[in-house]
Amino acid sequence: MMKQHLFILLFFTGVVPLVQSVTRKYFLVQQGRKWTDAQTYCQATYTDLAIIKSNDDVIQLQNEVQSQKFSSSAWIGMYSNISSWHWSLGYEPVTNILGNWDVGEPNNNGGKQNCGAATPWGWWDLKCTELRPFLCFDETKTGNNRYIYISNTVQWSEAQAYCRQYHTDLASARDETENSFIQALVTGITWFGLIKDPWKWVDHTNFSTISWMSGQPDNGQWDENCGYIYMGEAADASCSDILPFFCYSGTTKQQIMKMKIQSSQDVNDPAVNVAILEKIKQKLKDNGIVEDIEVKWRAQPDGEVFHKEK
């Protein structure tokens, strides 16, 4: 017999402002500066160093290039944070960043070493596409049984997917105890749950839209953590290099959406608020509205987001 449950469904109303960036205008500054000095200038004079996140942005930037008859390299607002390493499990930041690396590591050799491996000599950064054995972590077990060595050689992302499917995640070394368990099992170069943030725009979103030049990024000078654009493509360079640069200014519009929600839960519970926002964002994404959208609740004068309808 099918069980029947009776819920008291209440109607609540709340307000969601949608903040969407509409257009960016670009400004070429041909007086060369270091990347950080260029950013300081852009932030003081416009909005920031140029970010390019849509086809319309590409067209607007090209218009500025053509109007200035510019054909050289110029800084844009992209960078690599070489210290921004995280653990796959919970995406926790690595706090013991200096303690367990091998001498000379991480070095980002070749510009694409964004994944971490445990070795008998310490941690190494490697290209995520290398084929290596890996170490999983299973929180349902105890002691060193929580660490499972898999001898099959795969790419880092494949190792992560396997560990998440059959255990908990790739192994983390968040403290010396965890690191000692890992070191006891590692006899060679072995993937574990260490990963570096990808290249970012200055608004902290992931680098996107424009392509890398062939062979880039390469970290050719071992300290190439800032990005420039040349003929519509990106490359890495030392942040101390002197280059012209592109700034941008942006205009935004805000759209207010009033919502009616039918629920048996406390919709003013912060966790429920977050869950509802995530569903709204997914609906926007499903309908192709994904570029530069900020969705947030607007609290009413009493501090609550939702009020029960009378």
Protein backbone atom coordinates (compact mmCIF):
# COMPACT_ATOMS: atom_id res chain seq x y z
CA MET A 1 0.00 0.00 0.00
CA MET A 2 1.34 3.41 -0.91
CA LYS A 3 2.06 5.52 2.13
CA GLN A 4 0.41 8.93 2.13
CA HIS A 5 1.91 11.96 3.84
CA LEU A 6 0.00 15.14 4.64
CA PHE A 7 1.94 18.40 4.33
CA ILE A 8 0.75 21.86 5.29
CA LEU A 9 1.73 23.92 2.24
CA LEU A 10 2.12 27.62 2.80
CA PHE A 11 2.61 30.37 0.23
CA PHE A 12 5.47 32.81 0.71
CA THR A 13 6.60 35.80 -1.32
CA GLY A 14 10.12 37.12 -1.65
CA VAL A 15 12.18 39.37 -3.90
CA VAL A 16 15.24 38.40 -5.98
CA PRO A 17 17.31 41.14 -7.68
CA LEU A 18 19.12 39.90 -10.78
CA VAL A 19 22.22 41.95 -11.49
CA GLN A 20 23.44 41.45 -15.04
CA SER A 21 26.41 43.09 -16.75
CA VAL A 22 25.29 44.53 -20.06
CA THR A 23 28.28 46.01 -21.86
CA ARG A 24 31.97 46.61 -21.33
CA LYS A 25 33.85 49.44 -22.95
CA TYR A 26 37.61 49.08 -23.41
CA PHE A 27 40.36 51.67 -23.27
CA LEU A 28 43.89 51.15 -24.57
CA VAL A 29 46.69 52.81 -22.58
CA GLN A 30 49.83 52.75 -24.68
CA GLN A 31 52.20 53.94 -21.95
CA GLY A 32 53.87 50.72 -20.80
CA ARG A 33 53.63 49.58 -17.18
CA LYS A 34 54.13 46.47 -15.08
CA TRP A 35 50.97 44.35 -14.73
CA THR A 36 50.29 45.43 -11.13
CA ASP A 37 50.87 49.10 -11.95
CA ALA A 38 48.58 48.77 -14.95
CA GLN A 39 45.86 47.31 -12.73
CA THR A 40 46.27 50.12 -10.21
CA TYR A 41 45.85 52.68 -13.00
CA CYS A 42 42.77 50.93 -14.42
CA GLN A 43 41.11 50.63 -11.03
CA ALA A 44 41.70 54.32 -10.34
CA THR A 45 40.60 55.56 -13.76
CA TYR A 46 38.06 52.99 -15.01
CA THR A 47 36.88 49.71 -13.47
CA ASP A 48 39.85 47.34 -13.79
CA LEU A 49 42.19 45.67 -16.24
CA ALA A 50 40.23 44.27 -19.16
CA ILE A 51 38.22 41.10 -18.71
CA ILE A 52 36.78 39.45 -21.82
CA LYS A 53 33.92 37.11 -21.10
CA SER A 54 31.57 37.14 -24.09
CA ASN A 55 31.57 37.47 -27.87
CA ASP A 56 30.28 41.01 -27.47
CA ASP A 57 33.31 41.79 -25.31
CA VAL A 58 35.59 40.44 -28.05
CA ILE A 59 33.94 42.74 -30.60
CA GLN A 60 34.17 45.77 -28.30
CA LEU A 61 37.88 45.11 -27.68
CA GLN A 62 38.53 44.69 -31.42
CA ASN A 63 36.83 48.03 -32.04
CA GLU A 64 39.24 49.72 -29.62
CA VAL A 65 42.23 47.97 -31.23
CA GLN A 66 41.19 49.09 -34.70
CA SER A 67 40.39 52.65 -33.66
CA GLN A 68 43.83 52.99 -32.08
CA LYS A 69 45.57 51.16 -34.98
CA PHE A 70 47.22 48.97 -32.35
CA SER A 71 49.13 45.82 -33.28
CA SER A 72 51.33 45.01 -30.28
CA SER A 73 50.98 43.00 -27.08
CA ALA A 74 49.07 44.45 -24.13
CA TRP A 75 48.24 43.37 -20.60
CA ILE A 76 44.71 42.26 -19.82
CA GLY A 77 43.15 41.33 -16.48
CA MET A 78 44.18 37.69 -16.25
CA TYR A 79 46.57 36.11 -13.79
CA SER A 80 47.69 32.84 -12.22
CA ASN A 81 47.89 32.62 -8.44
CA ILE A 82 50.76 30.20 -7.91
CA SER A 83 49.92 29.81 -4.20
CA SER A 84 46.23 29.01 -4.67
CA TRP A 85 46.29 25.25 -4.07
CA HIS A 86 43.27 23.36 -2.75
CA TRP A 87 42.34 19.87 -1.64
CA SER A 88 39.85 18.01 -3.79
CA LEU A 89 37.95 16.95 -0.66
CA GLY A 90 35.73 19.90 0.25
CA TYR A 91 37.89 22.22 -1.87
CA GLU A 92 39.70 23.28 1.30
CA PRO A 93 42.66 25.63 0.83
CA VAL A 94 46.09 24.15 1.45
CA THR A 95 47.38 25.71 4.65
CA ASN A 96 50.67 23.80 4.97
CA ILE A 97 51.74 25.09 1.55
CA LEU A 98 55.42 25.40 2.38
CA GLY A 99 55.94 22.33 4.50
CA ASN A 100 55.70 19.31 2.20
CA TRP A 101 56.88 20.34 -1.27
CA ASP A 102 60.08 18.84 -2.64
CA VAL A 103 62.98 21.27 -3.11
CA GLY A 104 62.27 23.50 -6.13
CA GLU A 105 58.58 22.62 -6.18
CA PRO A 106 56.07 23.78 -7.20
CA ASN A 107 57.71 25.19 -10.33
CA ASN A 108 54.93 25.07 -12.94
CA ASN A 109 57.41 23.80 -15.52
CA GLY A 110 55.94 24.39 -18.96
CA GLY A 111 53.10 26.53 -17.61
CA LYS A 112 50.46 23.81 -17.24
CA GLN A 113 51.32 22.03 -13.99
CA ASN A 114 48.08 22.44 -12.06
CA CYS A 115 47.79 19.07 -10.30
CA GLY A 116 49.69 17.71 -7.33
CA ALA A 117 51.40 14.36 -6.82
CA ALA A 118 52.84 12.78 -3.69
CA THR A 119 56.33 11.32 -4.06
CA PRO A 120 58.86 9.82 -1.62
CA TRP A 121 60.75 13.13 -1.87
CA GLY A 122 57.79 15.46 -1.25
CA TRP A 123 54.98 16.97 -3.31
CA TRP A 124 55.38 17.75 -7.02
CA ASP A 125 53.24 19.79 -9.38
CA LEU A 126 52.60 18.09 -12.71
CA LYS A 127 50.46 18.39 -15.82
CA CYS A 128 47.04 16.98 -14.96
CA THR A 129 47.05 14.84 -18.12
CA GLU A 130 50.02 12.72 -17.02
CA LEU A 131 49.20 9.06 -16.33
CA ARG A 132 49.96 8.12 -12.72
CA PRO A 133 48.76 5.70 -10.03
CA PHE A 134 46.67 7.38 -7.36
CA LEU A 135 45.61 7.34 -3.73
CA CYS A 136 41.97 7.43 -2.62
CA PHE A 137 40.53 8.31 0.79
CA ASP A 138 37.51 6.52 2.31
CA GLU A 139 35.93 8.23 5.31
CA THR A 140 33.90 5.11 6.19
CA LYS A 141 37.08 3.29 7.24
CA THR A 142 39.53 3.91 10.08
CA GLY A 143 43.28 4.40 10.45
CA ASN A 144 45.51 3.67 7.50
CA ASN A 145 42.69 1.59 5.97
CA ARG A 146 41.16 4.89 4.90
CA TYR A 147 43.90 5.25 2.28
CA ILE A 148 43.59 3.06 -0.80
CA TYR A 149 46.40 2.83 -3.33
CA ILE A 150 45.27 2.22 -6.94
CA SER A 151 48.05 1.06 -9.23
CA ASN A 152 46.23 1.74 -12.52
CA THR A 153 47.73 4.82 -14.21
CA VAL A 154 45.24 7.53 -15.15
CA GLN A 155 44.97 11.30 -15.51
CA TRP A 156 44.30 13.35 -12.36
CA SER A 157 40.63 14.03 -13.23
CA GLU A 158 40.03 10.34 -13.88
CA ALA A 159 41.60 9.49 -10.53
CA GLN A 160 39.34 12.01 -8.82
CA ALA A 161 36.23 10.59 -10.53
CA TYR A 162 37.15 7.02 -9.53
CA CYS A 163 37.79 7.92 -5.89
CA ARG A 164 34.55 9.86 -5.64
CA GLN A 165 32.57 6.99 -7.16
CA TYR A 166 34.02 4.12 -5.12
CA HIS A 167 35.33 5.82 -1.98
CA THR A 168 35.11 9.43 -0.74
CA ASP A 169 37.67 11.43 -2.72
CA LEU A 170 41.35 11.62 -3.56
CA ALA A 171 43.51 11.58 -0.45
CA SER A 172 44.35 14.87 1.29
CA ALA A 173 47.37 15.71 3.44
CA ARG A 174 45.82 18.46 5.53
CA ASP A 175 48.12 17.83 8.48
CA GLU A 176 51.24 15.87 9.33
CA THR A 177 49.24 12.80 10.43
CA GLU A 178 47.48 12.55 7.07
CA ASN A 179 50.73 13.25 5.25
CA SER A 180 52.50 10.45 7.13
CA PHE A 181 49.79 7.94 6.12
CA ILE A 182 50.22 8.99 2.49
CA GLN A 183 54.01 8.92 2.56
CA ALA A 184 53.94 5.39 3.98
CA LEU A 185 51.99 4.16 0.92
CA VAL A 186 53.75 6.11 -1.83
CA THR A 187 56.67 4.44 -3.58
CA GLY A 188 56.68 6.58 -6.72
CA ILE A 189 54.94 9.58 -8.28
CA THR A 190 51.30 9.22 -7.22
CA TRP A 191 48.26 11.44 -7.74
CA PHE A 192 46.49 12.67 -4.61
CA GLY A 193 43.94 15.41 -3.97
CA LEU A 194 46.05 18.50 -4.59
CA ILE A 195 44.96 20.92 -7.33
CA LYS A 196 45.75 24.53 -8.20
CA ASP A 197 43.24 27.15 -9.26
CA PRO A 198 43.16 27.73 -13.03
CA TRP A 199 43.99 31.09 -14.62
CA LYS A 200 41.58 33.77 -13.40
CA TRP A 201 40.16 37.07 -14.52
CA VAL A 202 40.62 39.93 -12.08
CA ASP A 203 36.99 39.49 -10.94
CA HIS A 204 38.14 36.02 -9.69
CA THR A 205 36.14 34.04 -12.27
CA ASN A 206 37.89 31.41 -14.35
CA PHE A 207 39.68 32.55 -17.50
CA SER A 208 37.48 31.91 -20.53
CA THR A 209 36.30 33.06 -23.97
CA ILE A 210 39.61 33.86 -25.67
CA SER A 211 42.09 31.21 -26.78
CA TRP A 212 45.70 30.73 -25.80
CA MET A 213 48.40 31.27 -28.41
CA SER A 214 49.97 28.07 -29.66
CA GLY A 215 52.30 26.70 -26.98
CA GLN A 216 50.91 28.97 -24.27
CA PRO A 217 50.96 29.20 -21.33
CA ASP A 218 54.56 28.01 -21.07
CA ASN A 219 55.99 29.79 -18.00
CA GLY A 220 59.11 30.24 -20.10
CA GLN A 221 60.82 32.55 -17.57
CA TRP A 222 59.63 30.48 -14.56
CA ASP A 223 57.64 33.43 -13.18
CA GLU A 224 55.10 34.11 -15.94
CA ASN A 225 51.95 34.60 -13.86
CA CYS A 226 50.30 37.50 -15.71
CA GLY A 227 48.45 37.44 -19.00
CA TYR A 228 48.56 39.60 -22.11
CA ILE A 229 46.76 39.58 -25.43
CA TYR A 230 48.24 39.71 -28.92
CA MET A 231 46.19 39.48 -32.12
CA GLY A 232 43.18 38.27 -30.14
CA GLU A 233 44.99 35.45 -28.33
CA ALA A 234 46.36 35.15 -24.80
CA ALA A 235 49.85 34.37 -23.52
CA ASP A 236 51.68 34.43 -20.18
CA ALA A 237 54.55 36.73 -19.23
CA SER A 238 56.47 37.92 -16.19
CA CYS A 239 54.34 40.45 -14.32
CA SER A 240 57.34 42.81 -14.20
CA ASP A 241 57.45 43.13 -17.99
CA ILE A 242 56.56 46.59 -19.30
CA LEU A 243 53.60 46.51 -21.70
CA PRO A 244 50.72 48.71 -22.85
CA PHE A 245 47.40 47.57 -21.38
CA PHE A 246 43.66 47.51 -21.79
CA CYS A 247 41.31 48.82 -19.11
CA TYR A 248 37.55 48.43 -19.11
CA SER A 249 34.51 50.09 -17.65
CA GLY A 250 31.22 48.28 -17.33
CA THR A 251 27.59 49.25 -17.12
CA THR A 252 25.09 47.09 -15.28
CA LYS A 253 21.34 46.84 -14.97
CA GLN A 254 19.30 45.33 -12.18
CA GLN A 255 16.10 43.37 -12.65
CA ILE A 256 13.82 42.66 -9.71
CA MET A 257 11.94 39.38 -9.65
CA LYS A 258 9.13 38.77 -7.16
CA MET A 259 8.65 35.15 -6.27
CA LYS A 260 5.83 33.13 -4.78
CA ILE A 261 6.97 29.86 -3.22
CA GLN A 262 4.82 27.00 -1.99
CA SER A 263 6.62 25.17 0.79
CA SER A 264 6.17 23.23 4.02
CA GLN A 265 9.66 24.26 5.14
CA ASP A 266 10.96 27.39 6.85
CA VAL A 267 11.92 29.29 3.71
CA ASN A 268 13.74 31.91 5.78
CA ASP A 269 16.20 29.27 6.97
CA PRO A 270 19.59 30.29 5.43
CA ALA A 271 20.18 26.76 4.11
CA VAL A 272 16.78 26.73 2.41
CA ASN A 273 17.48 30.22 0.97
CA VAL A 274 20.70 28.93 -0.56
CA ALA A 275 19.00 25.83 -2.01
CA ILE A 276 16.27 27.95 -3.64
CA LEU A 277 18.85 30.35 -5.11
CA GLU A 278 20.76 27.42 -6.61
CA LYS A 279 17.57 26.21 -8.31
CA ILE A 280 16.97 29.69 -9.71
CA LYS A 281 20.53 29.87 -11.06
CA GLN A 282 20.12 26.45 -12.68
CA LYS A 283 16.87 27.55 -14.34
CA LEU A 284 18.60 30.65 -15.71
CA LYS A 285 21.43 28.47 -17.00
CA ASP A 286 18.99 26.03 -18.59
CA ASN A 287 17.49 28.97 -20.47
CA GLY A 288 20.85 30.19 -21.73
CA ILE A 289 21.21 33.09 -19.28
CA VAL A 290 24.64 32.41 -17.83
CA GLU A 291 26.92 35.38 -18.47
CA ASP A 292 27.77 37.62 -15.52
CA ILE A 293 24.56 37.06 -13.57
CA GLU A 294 24.51 37.71 -9.85
CA VAL A 295 21.46 36.36 -8.06
CA LYS A 296 20.80 37.22 -4.44
CA TRP A 297 17.92 37.68 -2.02
CA ARG A 298 16.76 41.11 -0.94
CA ALA A 299 16.04 41.20 2.78
CA GLN A 300 12.90 43.08 3.77
CA PRO A 301 12.85 45.75 6.52
CA ASP A 302 12.36 43.14 9.24
CA GLY A 303 15.40 41.23 8.02
CA GLU A 304 13.39 38.34 6.56
CA VAL A 305 13.48 37.40 2.88
CA PHE A 306 10.04 35.79 2.70
CA HIS A 307 6.71 36.72 4.21
CA LYS A 308 3.79 34.32 4.50
CA GLU A 309 0.83 35.39 2.41
CA LYS A 310 -2.33 36.17 4.33
